[in-house]
PDB file of N, CA and C in Angstrom:
ATOM      1  N   UNK A   1       7.439 -42.098  -3.688  1.00  0.00           N
ATOM      2  CA  UNK A   1       8.508 -41.087  -4.024  1.00  0.00           C
ATOM      3  C   UNK A   1       9.885 -41.753  -4.019  1.00  0.00           C
ATOM      4  N   UNK A   2      10.110 -42.465  -2.934  1.00  0.00           N
ATOM      5  CA  UNK A   2      11.360 -43.229  -2.806  1.00  0.00           C
ATOM      6  C   UNK A   2      11.582 -44.143  -3.940  1.00  0.00           C
ATOM      7  N   UNK A   3      10.599 -44.982  -4.242  1.00  0.00           N
ATOM      8  CA  UNK A   3      10.791 -45.858  -5.431  1.00  0.00           C
ATOM      9  C   UNK A   3      11.118 -45.236  -6.727  1.00  0.00           C
ATOM     10  N   UNK A   4      10.543 -43.921  -6.970  1.00  0.00           N
ATOM     11  CA  UNK A   4      10.844 -43.199  -8.192  1.00  0.00           C
ATOM     12  C   UNK A   4      12.273 -42.697  -8.104  1.00  0.00           C
ATOM     13  N   UNK A   5      12.664 -42.239  -7.028  1.00  0.00           N
ATOM     14  CA  UNK A   5      14.142 -41.739  -6.753  1.00  0.00           C
ATOM     15  C   UNK A   5      15.005 -42.958  -6.972  1.00  0.00           C
ATOM     16  N   UNK A   6      14.697 -44.025  -6.250  1.00  0.00           N
ATOM     17  CA  UNK A   6      15.495 -45.307  -6.350  1.00  0.00           C
ATOM     18  C   UNK A   6      15.763 -45.768  -7.807  1.00  0.00           C
ATOM     19  N   UNK A   7      14.630 -45.825  -8.532  1.00  0.00           N
ATOM     20  CA  UNK A   7      14.782 -46.278 -10.048  1.00  0.00           C
ATOM     21  C   UNK A   7      15.644 -45.249 -10.819  1.00  0.00           C
ATOM     22  N   UNK A   8      15.595 -44.048 -10.480  1.00  0.00           N
ATOM     23  CA  UNK A   8      16.433 -43.036 -11.082  1.00  0.00           C
ATOM     24  C   UNK A   8      17.922 -43.282 -10.880  1.00  0.00           C
ATOM     25  N   UNK A   9      18.244 -43.568  -9.663  1.00  0.00           N
ATOM     26  CA  UNK A   9      19.639 -43.724  -9.220  1.00  0.00           C
ATOM     27  C   UNK A   9      20.253 -45.052  -9.162  1.00  0.00           C
ATOM     28  N   UNK A  10      19.350 -46.044  -9.377  1.00  0.00           N
ATOM     29  CA  UNK A  10      19.846 -47.461  -9.199  1.00  0.00           C
ATOM     30  C   UNK A  10      21.114 -47.763  -9.918  1.00  0.00           C
ATOM     31  N   UNK A  11      21.206 -47.340 -11.232  1.00  0.00           N
ATOM     32  CA  UNK A  11      22.382 -47.709 -11.994  1.00  0.00           C
ATOM     33  C   UNK A  11      23.200 -46.510 -12.397  1.00  0.00           C
ATOM     34  N   UNK A  12      23.122 -45.535 -11.633  1.00  0.00           N
ATOM     35  CA  UNK A  12      23.953 -44.206 -11.914  1.00  0.00           C
ATOM     36  C   UNK A  12      25.375 -44.336 -11.314  1.00  0.00           C
ATOM     37  N   UNK A  13      26.344 -44.192 -12.156  1.00  0.00           N
ATOM     38  CA  UNK A  13      27.698 -44.295 -11.762  1.00  0.00           C
ATOM     39  C   UNK A  13      28.163 -43.294 -10.676  1.00  0.00           C
ATOM     40  N   UNK A  14      27.644 -41.981 -10.766  1.00  0.00           N
ATOM     41  CA  UNK A  14      28.113 -40.908  -9.911  1.00  0.00           C
ATOM     42  C   UNK A  14      27.218 -40.702  -8.622  1.00  0.00           C
ATOM     43  N   UNK A  15      26.104 -41.476  -8.610  1.00  0.00           N
ATOM     44  CA  UNK A  15      25.156 -41.298  -7.479  1.00  0.00           C
ATOM     45  C   UNK A  15      24.806 -42.543  -6.949  1.00  0.00           C
ATOM     46  N   UNK A  16      24.862 -42.688  -5.652  1.00  0.00           N
ATOM     47  CA  UNK A  16      24.468 -44.068  -4.896  1.00  0.00           C
ATOM     48  C   UNK A  16      23.405 -43.767  -3.969  1.00  0.00           C
ATOM     49  N   UNK A  17      22.362 -44.650  -4.000  1.00  0.00           N
ATOM     50  CA  UNK A  17      21.381 -44.547  -3.034  1.00  0.00           C
ATOM     51  C   UNK A  17      21.870 -45.096  -1.682  1.00  0.00           C
ATOM     52  N   UNK A  18      21.235 -44.676  -0.668  1.00  0.00           N
ATOM     53  CA  UNK A  18      21.557 -45.039   0.800  1.00  0.00           C
ATOM     54  C   UNK A  18      21.237 -46.529   0.906  1.00  0.00           C
ATOM     55  N   UNK A  19      22.088 -47.297   1.552  1.00  0.00           N
ATOM     56  CA  UNK A  19      21.848 -48.705   1.810  1.00  0.00           C
ATOM     57  C   UNK A  19      20.617 -48.964   2.463  1.00  0.00           C
ATOM     58  N   UNK A  20      19.906 -50.073   2.234  1.00  0.00           N
ATOM     59  CA  UNK A  20      18.702 -50.434   2.861  1.00  0.00           C
ATOM     60  C   UNK A  20      18.918 -51.841   3.572  1.00  0.00           C
ATOM     61  N   UNK A  21      18.411 -51.965   4.777  1.00  0.00           N
ATOM     62  CA  UNK A  21      18.318 -53.258   5.433  1.00  0.00           C
ATOM     63  C   UNK A  21      17.244 -54.071   4.988  1.00  0.00           C
ATOM     64  N   UNK A  22      17.325 -55.302   4.757  1.00  0.00           N
ATOM     65  CA  UNK A  22      16.273 -56.290   4.491  1.00  0.00           C
ATOM     66  C   UNK A  22      15.129 -56.295   5.547  1.00  0.00           C
ATOM     67  N   UNK A  23      15.582 -56.370   6.672  1.00  0.00           N
ATOM     68  CA  UNK A  23      14.610 -56.539   7.839  1.00  0.00           C
ATOM     69  C   UNK A  23      14.037 -55.234   8.392  1.00  0.00           C
ATOM     70  N   UNK A  24      14.125 -54.228   7.663  1.00  0.00           N
ATOM     71  CA  UNK A  24      13.618 -52.922   8.182  1.00  0.00           C
ATOM     72  C   UNK A  24      12.827 -52.250   7.022  1.00  0.00           C
ATOM     73  N   UNK A  25      12.110 -51.125   7.511  1.00  0.00           N
ATOM     74  CA  UNK A  25      11.286 -50.341   6.547  1.00  0.00           C
ATOM     75  C   UNK A  25      11.602 -48.917   6.846  1.00  0.00           C
ATOM     76  N   UNK A  26      11.860 -48.046   5.877  1.00  0.00           N
ATOM     77  CA  UNK A  26      12.037 -46.608   6.087  1.00  0.00           C
ATOM     78  C   UNK A  26      10.737 -45.867   5.895  1.00  0.00           C
ATOM     79  N   UNK A  27      10.597 -44.841   6.623  1.00  0.00           N
ATOM     80  CA  UNK A  27       9.519 -43.898   6.385  1.00  0.00           C
ATOM     81  C   UNK A  27       9.823 -42.891   5.262  1.00  0.00           C
ATOM     82  N   UNK A  28      11.110 -42.732   4.950  1.00  0.00           N
ATOM     83  CA  UNK A  28      11.659 -41.780   4.004  1.00  0.00           C
ATOM     84  C   UNK A  28      11.186 -40.376   4.259  1.00  0.00           C
ATOM     85  N   UNK A  29      11.255 -40.095   5.621  1.00  0.00           N
ATOM     86  CA  UNK A  29      10.882 -38.659   5.889  1.00  0.00           C
ATOM     87  C   UNK A  29      12.151 -37.808   5.345  1.00  0.00           C
ATOM     88  N   UNK A  30      13.215 -38.495   5.011  1.00  0.00           N
ATOM     89  CA  UNK A  30      14.305 -37.778   4.371  1.00  0.00           C
ATOM     90  C   UNK A  30      14.907 -38.788   3.371  1.00  0.00           C
ATOM     91  N   UNK A  31      15.021 -38.209   2.159  1.00  0.00           N
ATOM     92  CA  UNK A  31      15.726 -39.029   1.078  1.00  0.00           C
ATOM     93  C   UNK A  31      17.019 -38.419   0.768  1.00  0.00           C
ATOM     94  N   UNK A  32      18.068 -39.253   0.958  1.00  0.00           N
ATOM     95  CA  UNK A  32      19.451 -38.733   0.662  1.00  0.00           C
ATOM     96  C   UNK A  32      20.101 -39.657  -0.264  1.00  0.00           C
ATOM     97  N   UNK A  33      21.104 -39.132  -1.075  1.00  0.00           N
ATOM     98  CA  UNK A  33      21.933 -39.818  -2.040  1.00  0.00           C
ATOM     99  C   UNK A  33      23.366 -39.491  -1.637  1.00  0.00           C
ATOM    100  N   UNK A  34      24.281 -40.385  -2.161  1.00  0.00           N
ATOM    101  CA  UNK A  34      25.725 -40.045  -1.993  1.00  0.00           C
ATOM    102  C   UNK A  34      26.335 -39.945  -3.352  1.00  0.00           C
ATOM    103  N   UNK A  35      27.013 -38.729  -3.490  1.00  0.00           N
ATOM    104  CA  UNK A  35      27.702 -38.539  -4.786  1.00  0.00           C
ATOM    105  C   UNK A  35      29.195 -38.986  -4.671  1.00  0.00           C
ATOM    106  N   UNK A  36      29.835 -39.156  -5.833  1.00  0.00           N
ATOM    107  CA  UNK A  36      31.084 -39.785  -5.788  1.00  0.00           C
ATOM    108  C   UNK A  36      32.207 -38.926  -5.137  1.00  0.00           C
ATOM    109  N   UNK A  37      32.040 -37.584  -5.140  1.00  0.00           N
ATOM    110  CA  UNK A  37      33.055 -36.676  -4.427  1.00  0.00           C
ATOM    111  C   UNK A  37      32.427 -35.346  -4.044  1.00  0.00           C
ATOM    112  N   UNK A  38      33.214 -34.643  -3.254  1.00  0.00           N
ATOM    113  CA  UNK A  38      32.707 -33.425  -2.825  1.00  0.00           C
ATOM    114  C   UNK A  38      32.427 -32.368  -3.822  1.00  0.00           C
ATOM    115  N   UNK A  39      33.123 -32.198  -4.868  1.00  0.00           N
ATOM    116  CA  UNK A  39      32.875 -31.264  -5.980  1.00  0.00           C
ATOM    117  C   UNK A  39      31.589 -31.535  -6.738  1.00  0.00           C
ATOM    118  N   UNK A  40      31.380 -32.857  -6.937  1.00  0.00           N
ATOM    119  CA  UNK A  40      30.099 -33.217  -7.523  1.00  0.00           C
ATOM    120  C   UNK A  40      28.951 -32.942  -6.744  1.00  0.00           C
ATOM    121  N   UNK A  41      29.033 -33.234  -5.411  1.00  0.00           N
ATOM    122  CA  UNK A  41      27.885 -32.894  -4.491  1.00  0.00           C
ATOM    123  C   UNK A  41      27.552 -31.464  -4.551  1.00  0.00           C
ATOM    124  N   UNK A  42      28.594 -30.547  -4.478  1.00  0.00           N
ATOM    125  CA  UNK A  42      28.395 -29.162  -4.469  1.00  0.00           C
ATOM    126  C   UNK A  42      27.881 -28.587  -5.780  1.00  0.00           C
ATOM    127  N   UNK A  43      28.331 -29.219  -6.877  1.00  0.00           N
ATOM    128  CA  UNK A  43      27.853 -28.804  -8.256  1.00  0.00           C
ATOM    129  C   UNK A  43      26.426 -29.216  -8.390  1.00  0.00           C
ATOM    130  N   UNK A  44      26.135 -30.560  -7.864  1.00  0.00           N
ATOM    131  CA  UNK A  44      24.680 -31.048  -7.922  1.00  0.00           C
ATOM    132  C   UNK A  44      23.750 -30.158  -7.229  1.00  0.00           C
ATOM    133  N   UNK A  45      24.122 -29.724  -5.947  1.00  0.00           N
ATOM    134  CA  UNK A  45      23.257 -28.862  -5.158  1.00  0.00           C
ATOM    135  C   UNK A  45      23.090 -27.471  -5.879  1.00  0.00           C
ATOM    136  N   UNK A  46      24.220 -26.951  -6.383  1.00  0.00           N
ATOM    137  CA  UNK A  46      24.148 -25.683  -7.153  1.00  0.00           C
ATOM    138  C   UNK A  46      23.154 -25.778  -8.308  1.00  0.00           C
ATOM    139  N   UNK A  47      23.348 -26.793  -9.022  1.00  0.00           N
ATOM    140  CA  UNK A  47      22.567 -27.022 -10.182  1.00  0.00           C
ATOM    141  C   UNK A  47      20.933 -27.147  -9.790  1.00  0.00           C
ATOM    142  N   UNK A  48      20.723 -27.872  -8.848  1.00  0.00           N
ATOM    143  CA  UNK A  48      19.314 -28.029  -8.414  1.00  0.00           C
ATOM    144  C   UNK A  48      18.775 -26.723  -7.958  1.00  0.00           C
ATOM    145  N   UNK A  49      19.561 -25.987  -7.105  1.00  0.00           N
ATOM    146  CA  UNK A  49      19.183 -24.648  -6.549  1.00  0.00           C
ATOM    147  C   UNK A  49      18.841 -23.625  -7.630  1.00  0.00           C
ATOM    148  N   UNK A  50      19.738 -23.636  -8.658  1.00  0.00           N
ATOM    149  CA  UNK A  50      19.550 -22.809  -9.884  1.00  0.00           C
ATOM    150  C   UNK A  50      18.262 -23.172 -10.651  1.00  0.00           C
ATOM    151  N   UNK A  51      17.771 -24.332 -10.396  1.00  0.00           N
ATOM    152  CA  UNK A  51      16.486 -24.790 -11.074  1.00  0.00           C
ATOM    153  C   UNK A  51      15.263 -24.809 -10.134  1.00  0.00           C
ATOM    154  N   UNK A  52      15.519 -24.014  -9.036  1.00  0.00           N
ATOM    155  CA  UNK A  52      14.452 -23.855  -8.012  1.00  0.00           C
ATOM    156  C   UNK A  52      14.046 -24.999  -7.236  1.00  0.00           C
ATOM    157  N   UNK A  53      15.026 -25.867  -7.100  1.00  0.00           N
ATOM    158  CA  UNK A  53      14.889 -27.085  -6.293  1.00  0.00           C
ATOM    159  C   UNK A  53      15.767 -27.110  -5.083  1.00  0.00           C
ATOM    160  N   UNK A  54      15.115 -27.035  -3.855  1.00  0.00           N
ATOM    161  CA  UNK A  54      16.020 -27.047  -2.612  1.00  0.00           C
ATOM    162  C   UNK A  54      16.677 -28.339  -2.391  1.00  0.00           C
ATOM    163  N   UNK A  55      17.844 -28.333  -2.213  1.00  0.00           N
ATOM    164  CA  UNK A  55      18.639 -29.486  -1.713  1.00  0.00           C
ATOM    165  C   UNK A  55      19.755 -29.005  -0.934  1.00  0.00           C
ATOM    166  N   UNK A  56      20.370 -29.861  -0.167  1.00  0.00           N
ATOM    167  CA  UNK A  56      21.451 -29.462   0.770  1.00  0.00           C
ATOM    168  C   UNK A  56      22.326 -30.650   1.243  1.00  0.00           C
ATOM    169  N   UNK A  57      23.505 -30.414   1.662  1.00  0.00           N
ATOM    170  CA  UNK A  57      24.231 -31.429   2.252  1.00  0.00           C
ATOM    171  C   UNK A  57      23.478 -31.954   3.521  1.00  0.00           C
ATOM    172  N   UNK A  58      23.558 -33.270   3.624  1.00  0.00           N
ATOM    173  CA  UNK A  58      22.838 -33.933   4.765  1.00  0.00           C
ATOM    174  C   UNK A  58      23.053 -33.432   6.104  1.00  0.00           C
ATOM    175  N   UNK A  59      24.385 -33.349   6.489  1.00  0.00           N
ATOM    176  CA  UNK A  59      24.844 -32.980   7.844  1.00  0.00           C
ATOM    177  C   UNK A  59      26.094 -32.646   7.915  1.00  0.00           C
ATOM    178  N   UNK A  60      26.528 -32.003   8.929  1.00  0.00           N
ATOM    179  CA  UNK A  60      27.975 -31.603   9.187  1.00  0.00           C
ATOM    180  C   UNK A  60      28.387 -32.632  10.252  1.00  0.00           C
ATOM    181  N   UNK A  61      29.630 -33.100  10.028  1.00  0.00           N
ATOM    182  CA  UNK A  61      30.250 -34.033  11.060  1.00  0.00           C
ATOM    183  C   UNK A  61      30.326 -33.319  12.447  1.00  0.00           C
ATOM    184  N   UNK A  62      29.943 -34.039  13.412  1.00  0.00           N
ATOM    185  CA  UNK A  62      30.015 -33.461  14.835  1.00  0.00           C
ATOM    186  C   UNK A  62      31.475 -33.024  15.116  1.00  0.00           C
ATOM    187  N   UNK A  63      32.471 -33.670  14.632  1.00  0.00           N
ATOM    188  CA  UNK A  63      33.856 -33.355  15.018  1.00  0.00           C
ATOM    189  C   UNK A  63      34.217 -31.993  14.462  1.00  0.00           C
ATOM    190  N   UNK A  64      33.518 -31.339  13.544  1.00  0.00           N
ATOM    191  CA  UNK A  64      33.884 -30.007  13.029  1.00  0.00           C
ATOM    192  C   UNK A  64      32.970 -28.975  13.510  1.00  0.00           C
ATOM    193  N   UNK A  65      31.915 -29.270  14.337  1.00  0.00           N
ATOM    194  CA  UNK A  65      31.071 -28.342  14.957  1.00  0.00           C
ATOM    195  C   UNK A  65      31.557 -27.672  16.164  1.00  0.00           C
ATOM    196  N   UNK A  66      31.456 -26.443  16.228  1.00  0.00           N
ATOM    197  CA  UNK A  66      32.010 -25.594  17.374  1.00  0.00           C
ATOM    198  C   UNK A  66      31.559 -26.195  18.792  1.00  0.00           C
ATOM    199  N   UNK A  67      30.393 -26.658  18.897  1.00  0.00           N
ATOM    200  CA  UNK A  67      29.844 -27.138  20.224  1.00  0.00           C
ATOM    201  C   UNK A  67      30.680 -28.387  20.715  1.00  0.00           C
ATOM    202  N   UNK A  68      31.295 -29.056  19.826  1.00  0.00           N
ATOM    203  CA  UNK A  68      32.109 -30.333  20.207  1.00  0.00           C
ATOM    204  C   UNK A  68      33.600 -30.030  20.103  1.00  0.00           C
ATOM    205  N   UNK A  69      34.117 -28.898  19.786  1.00  0.00           N
ATOM    206  CA  UNK A  69      35.403 -28.586  19.499  1.00  0.00           C
ATOM    207  C   UNK A  69      36.419 -28.956  20.702  1.00  0.00           C
ATOM    208  N   UNK A  70      36.027 -28.941  21.952  1.00  0.00           N
ATOM    209  CA  UNK A  70      36.848 -29.257  23.012  1.00  0.00           C
ATOM    210  C   UNK A  70      36.762 -30.592  23.492  1.00  0.00           C
ATOM    211  N   UNK A  71      36.093 -31.471  22.804  1.00  0.00           N
ATOM    212  CA  UNK A  71      35.845 -32.888  23.321  1.00  0.00           C
ATOM    213  C   UNK A  71      36.882 -33.821  22.351  1.00  0.00           C
ATOM    214  N   UNK A  72      37.213 -34.915  23.012  1.00  0.00           N
ATOM    215  CA  UNK A  72      38.026 -35.837  22.400  1.00  0.00           C
ATOM    216  C   UNK A  72      37.390 -36.354  21.083  1.00  0.00           C
ATOM    217  N   UNK A  73      38.349 -36.670  20.100  1.00  0.00           N
ATOM    218  CA  UNK A  73      37.810 -37.174  18.746  1.00  0.00           C
ATOM    219  C   UNK A  73      38.514 -38.431  18.504  1.00  0.00           C
ATOM    220  N   UNK A  74      37.865 -39.257  17.797  1.00  0.00           N
ATOM    221  CA  UNK A  74      38.581 -40.447  17.152  1.00  0.00           C
ATOM    222  C   UNK A  74      38.127 -40.412  15.651  1.00  0.00           C
ATOM    223  N   UNK A  75      39.076 -39.837  14.872  1.00  0.00           N
ATOM    224  CA  UNK A  75      38.765 -39.584  13.518  1.00  0.00           C
ATOM    225  C   UNK A  75      39.224 -40.667  12.524  1.00  0.00           C
ATOM    226  N   UNK A  76      38.404 -41.064  11.653  1.00  0.00           N
ATOM    227  CA  UNK A  76      38.924 -41.983  10.660  1.00  0.00           C
ATOM    228  C   UNK A  76      38.616 -41.569   9.206  1.00  0.00           C
ATOM    229  N   UNK A  77      37.968 -40.344   9.080  1.00  0.00           N
ATOM    230  CA  UNK A  77      37.613 -39.838   7.833  1.00  0.00           C
ATOM    231  C   UNK A  77      36.306 -40.147   7.319  1.00  0.00           C
ATOM    232  N   UNK A  78      35.610 -41.041   7.812  1.00  0.00           N
ATOM    233  CA  UNK A  78      34.298 -41.531   7.337  1.00  0.00           C
ATOM    234  C   UNK A  78      33.280 -40.433   7.399  1.00  0.00           C
ATOM    235  N   UNK A  79      33.130 -39.859   8.591  1.00  0.00           N
ATOM    236  CA  UNK A  79      32.102 -38.802   8.811  1.00  0.00           C
ATOM    237  C   UNK A  79      32.357 -37.507   7.913  1.00  0.00           C
ATOM    238  N   UNK A  80      33.755 -37.193   7.777  1.00  0.00           N
ATOM    239  CA  UNK A  80      34.047 -36.039   6.831  1.00  0.00           C
ATOM    240  C   UNK A  80      33.608 -36.293   5.484  1.00  0.00           C
ATOM    241  N   UNK A  81      33.918 -37.589   4.940  1.00  0.00           N
ATOM    242  CA  UNK A  81      33.519 -37.905   3.555  1.00  0.00           C
ATOM    243  C   UNK A  81      32.074 -37.926   3.429  1.00  0.00           C
ATOM    244  N   UNK A  82      31.240 -38.420   4.350  1.00  0.00           N
ATOM    245  CA  UNK A  82      29.830 -38.495   4.226  1.00  0.00           C
ATOM    246  C   UNK A  82      29.248 -37.075   4.325  1.00  0.00           C
ATOM    247  N   UNK A  83      29.902 -36.251   5.194  1.00  0.00           N
ATOM    248  CA  UNK A  83      29.269 -34.853   5.281  1.00  0.00           C
ATOM    249  C   UNK A  83      29.534 -34.035   4.034  1.00  0.00           C
ATOM    250  N   UNK A  84      30.532 -34.418   3.226  1.00  0.00           N
ATOM    251  CA  UNK A  84      30.886 -33.699   1.996  1.00  0.00           C
ATOM    252  C   UNK A  84      30.166 -34.232   0.726  1.00  0.00           C
ATOM    253  N   UNK A  85      29.611 -35.410   0.842  1.00  0.00           N
ATOM    254  CA  UNK A  85      29.129 -36.077  -0.297  1.00  0.00           C
ATOM    255  C   UNK A  85      27.604 -36.552  -0.366  1.00  0.00           C
ATOM    256  N   UNK A  86      26.925 -36.509   0.916  1.00  0.00           N
ATOM    257  CA  UNK A  86      25.543 -36.946   1.002  1.00  0.00           C
ATOM    258  C   UNK A  86      24.625 -35.791   0.888  1.00  0.00           C
ATOM    259  N   UNK A  87      23.783 -35.822  -0.052  1.00  0.00           N
ATOM    260  CA  UNK A  87      22.910 -34.706  -0.471  1.00  0.00           C
ATOM    261  C   UNK A  87      21.385 -35.186  -0.144  1.00  0.00           C
ATOM    262  N   UNK A  88      20.575 -34.229   0.508  1.00  0.00           N
ATOM    263  CA  UNK A  88      19.246 -34.583   0.758  1.00  0.00           C
ATOM    264  C   UNK A  88      18.354 -33.801  -0.268  1.00  0.00           C
ATOM    265  N   UNK A  89      17.429 -34.767  -0.887  1.00  0.00           N
ATOM    266  CA  UNK A  89      16.514 -34.200  -1.907  1.00  0.00           C
ATOM    267  C   UNK A  89      15.132 -33.962  -1.314  1.00  0.00           C
ATOM    268  N   UNK A  90      14.329 -33.128  -2.089  1.00  0.00           N
ATOM    269  CA  UNK A  90      12.972 -32.908  -1.699  1.00  0.00           C
ATOM    270  C   UNK A  90      12.238 -34.243  -1.348  1.00  0.00           C
ATOM    271  N   UNK A  91      11.656 -34.311  -0.243  1.00  0.00           N
ATOM    272  CA  UNK A  91      10.840 -35.466   0.074  1.00  0.00           C
ATOM    273  C   UNK A  91       9.786 -35.330   1.040  1.00  0.00           C
ATOM    274  N   UNK A  92       9.187 -34.197   1.093  1.00  0.00           N
ATOM    275  CA  UNK A  92       8.043 -33.793   1.971  1.00  0.00           C
ATOM    276  C   UNK A  92       6.824 -34.672   1.700  1.00  0.00           C
ATOM    277  N   UNK A  93       6.152 -34.920   2.685  1.00  0.00           N
ATOM    278  CA  UNK A  93       4.767 -35.581   2.480  1.00  0.00           C
ATOM    279  C   UNK A  93       3.824 -34.730   1.697  1.00  0.00           C
ATOM    280  N   UNK A  94       4.039 -33.436   1.676  1.00  0.00           N
ATOM    281  CA  UNK A  94       3.285 -32.520   0.802  1.00  0.00           C
ATOM    282  C   UNK A  94       3.734 -32.441  -0.653  1.00  0.00           C
ATOM    283  N   UNK A  95       4.858 -33.074  -1.098  1.00  0.00           N
ATOM    284  CA  UNK A  95       5.343 -32.970  -2.439  1.00  0.00           C
ATOM    285  C   UNK A  95       4.389 -33.653  -3.402  1.00  0.00           C
ATOM    286  N   UNK A  96       3.937 -32.871  -4.328  1.00  0.00           N
ATOM    287  CA  UNK A  96       2.917 -33.496  -5.351  1.00  0.00           C
ATOM    288  C   UNK A  96       3.720 -34.228  -6.384  1.00  0.00           C
ATOM    289  N   UNK A  97       2.946 -35.077  -7.016  1.00  0.00           N
ATOM    290  CA  UNK A  97       3.561 -35.862  -8.156  1.00  0.00           C
ATOM    291  C   UNK A  97       4.207 -34.972  -9.205  1.00  0.00           C
ATOM    292  N   UNK A  98       3.499 -33.860  -9.415  1.00  0.00           N
ATOM    293  CA  UNK A  98       4.039 -32.793 -10.456  1.00  0.00           C
ATOM    294  C   UNK A  98       5.487 -32.296  -9.938  1.00  0.00           C
ATOM    295  N   UNK A  99       5.540 -32.035  -8.709  1.00  0.00           N
ATOM    296  CA  UNK A  99       6.778 -31.487  -8.096  1.00  0.00           C
ATOM    297  C   UNK A  99       7.856 -32.544  -8.107  1.00  0.00           C
ATOM    298  N   UNK A 100       7.528 -33.749  -7.847  1.00  0.00           N
ATOM    299  CA  UNK A 100       8.380 -34.854  -7.863  1.00  0.00           C
ATOM    300  C   UNK A 100       9.045 -35.021  -9.222  1.00  0.00           C
ATOM    301  N   UNK A 101       8.075 -35.076 -10.127  1.00  0.00           N
ATOM    302  CA  UNK A 101       8.527 -35.124 -11.606  1.00  0.00           C
ATOM    303  C   UNK A 101       9.527 -34.109 -12.110  1.00  0.00           C
ATOM    304  N   UNK A 102       9.171 -32.860 -11.526  1.00  0.00           N
ATOM    305  CA  UNK A 102      10.120 -31.677 -11.785  1.00  0.00           C
ATOM    306  C   UNK A 102      11.438 -31.974 -11.287  1.00  0.00           C
ATOM    307  N   UNK A 103      11.531 -32.447 -10.098  1.00  0.00           N
ATOM    308  CA  UNK A 103      12.837 -32.845  -9.609  1.00  0.00           C
ATOM    309  C   UNK A 103      13.438 -33.859 -10.311  1.00  0.00           C
ATOM    310  N   UNK A 104      12.824 -34.944 -10.644  1.00  0.00           N
ATOM    311  CA  UNK A 104      13.395 -36.059 -11.349  1.00  0.00           C
ATOM    312  C   UNK A 104      13.863 -35.637 -12.713  1.00  0.00           C
ATOM    313  N   UNK A 105      13.095 -34.855 -13.498  1.00  0.00           N
ATOM    314  CA  UNK A 105      13.465 -34.420 -14.849  1.00  0.00           C
ATOM    315  C   UNK A 105      14.782 -33.508 -14.696  1.00  0.00           C
ATOM    316  N   UNK A 106      14.778 -32.655 -13.645  1.00  0.00           N
ATOM    317  CA  UNK A 106      16.036 -31.815 -13.529  1.00  0.00           C
ATOM    318  C   UNK A 106      17.174 -32.754 -13.317  1.00  0.00           C
ATOM    319  N   UNK A 107      17.062 -33.667 -12.526  1.00  0.00           N
ATOM    320  CA  UNK A 107      18.180 -34.582 -12.156  1.00  0.00           C
ATOM    321  C   UNK A 107      18.667 -35.309 -13.399  1.00  0.00           C
ATOM    322  N   UNK A 108      17.684 -35.795 -14.168  1.00  0.00           N
ATOM    323  CA  UNK A 108      17.933 -36.489 -15.576  1.00  0.00           C
ATOM    324  C   UNK A 108      18.751 -35.462 -16.383  1.00  0.00           C
ATOM    325  N   UNK A 109      18.453 -34.301 -16.440  1.00  0.00           N
ATOM    326  CA  UNK A 109      19.224 -33.323 -17.196  1.00  0.00           C
ATOM    327  C   UNK A 109      20.614 -33.067 -16.662  1.00  0.00           C
ATOM    328  N   UNK A 110      20.758 -33.103 -15.359  1.00  0.00           N
ATOM    329  CA  UNK A 110      22.047 -32.817 -14.656  1.00  0.00           C
ATOM    330  C   UNK A 110      22.984 -34.021 -15.101  1.00  0.00           C
ATOM    331  N   UNK A 111      22.445 -35.228 -15.354  1.00  0.00           N
ATOM    332  CA  UNK A 111      23.318 -36.315 -15.812  1.00  0.00           C
ATOM    333  C   UNK A 111      24.206 -35.988 -16.969  1.00  0.00           C
ATOM    334  N   UNK A 112      23.844 -35.033 -17.818  1.00  0.00           N
ATOM    335  CA  UNK A 112      24.677 -34.585 -18.935  1.00  0.00           C
ATOM    336  C   UNK A 112      25.083 -33.172 -18.669  1.00  0.00           C
ATOM    337  N   UNK A 113      24.770 -32.623 -17.575  1.00  0.00           N
ATOM    338  CA  UNK A 113      25.055 -31.194 -17.300  1.00  0.00           C
ATOM    339  C   UNK A 113      26.635 -31.075 -17.038  1.00  0.00           C
ATOM    340  N   UNK A 114      27.302 -30.216 -17.645  1.00  0.00           N
ATOM    341  CA  UNK A 114      28.719 -29.860 -17.428  1.00  0.00           C
ATOM    342  C   UNK A 114      28.841 -28.514 -16.710  1.00  0.00           C
ATOM    343  N   UNK A 115      29.664 -28.593 -15.694  1.00  0.00           N
ATOM    344  CA  UNK A 115      30.025 -27.370 -14.985  1.00  0.00           C
ATOM    345  C   UNK A 115      31.201 -26.621 -15.483  1.00  0.00           C
TER     346      UNK A 115
END
């Protein structure tokens, strides 16, 4: 699954795959991509959801979560940018090849989709 996603996004100007370390191996229990900006990420999620494909922003920065509102912060903008642009795609171990191809084909169509 990850290889199929990687080959789809490898040369895409608006979508970047997550960096990989040469000396490590990922289980890909989660497959996430980074879009070029917040609006593109939200439009991408909206487009996939309209096509029956669940996707969501990867995480919310701890610095904006209520549980941590009273704690000191050292902000440089990186976590905010990532929380606005990283999107998680379907990657379940139960995902069938047919379902994966449905996701991939929808993403290929999004490449030319205009909001």
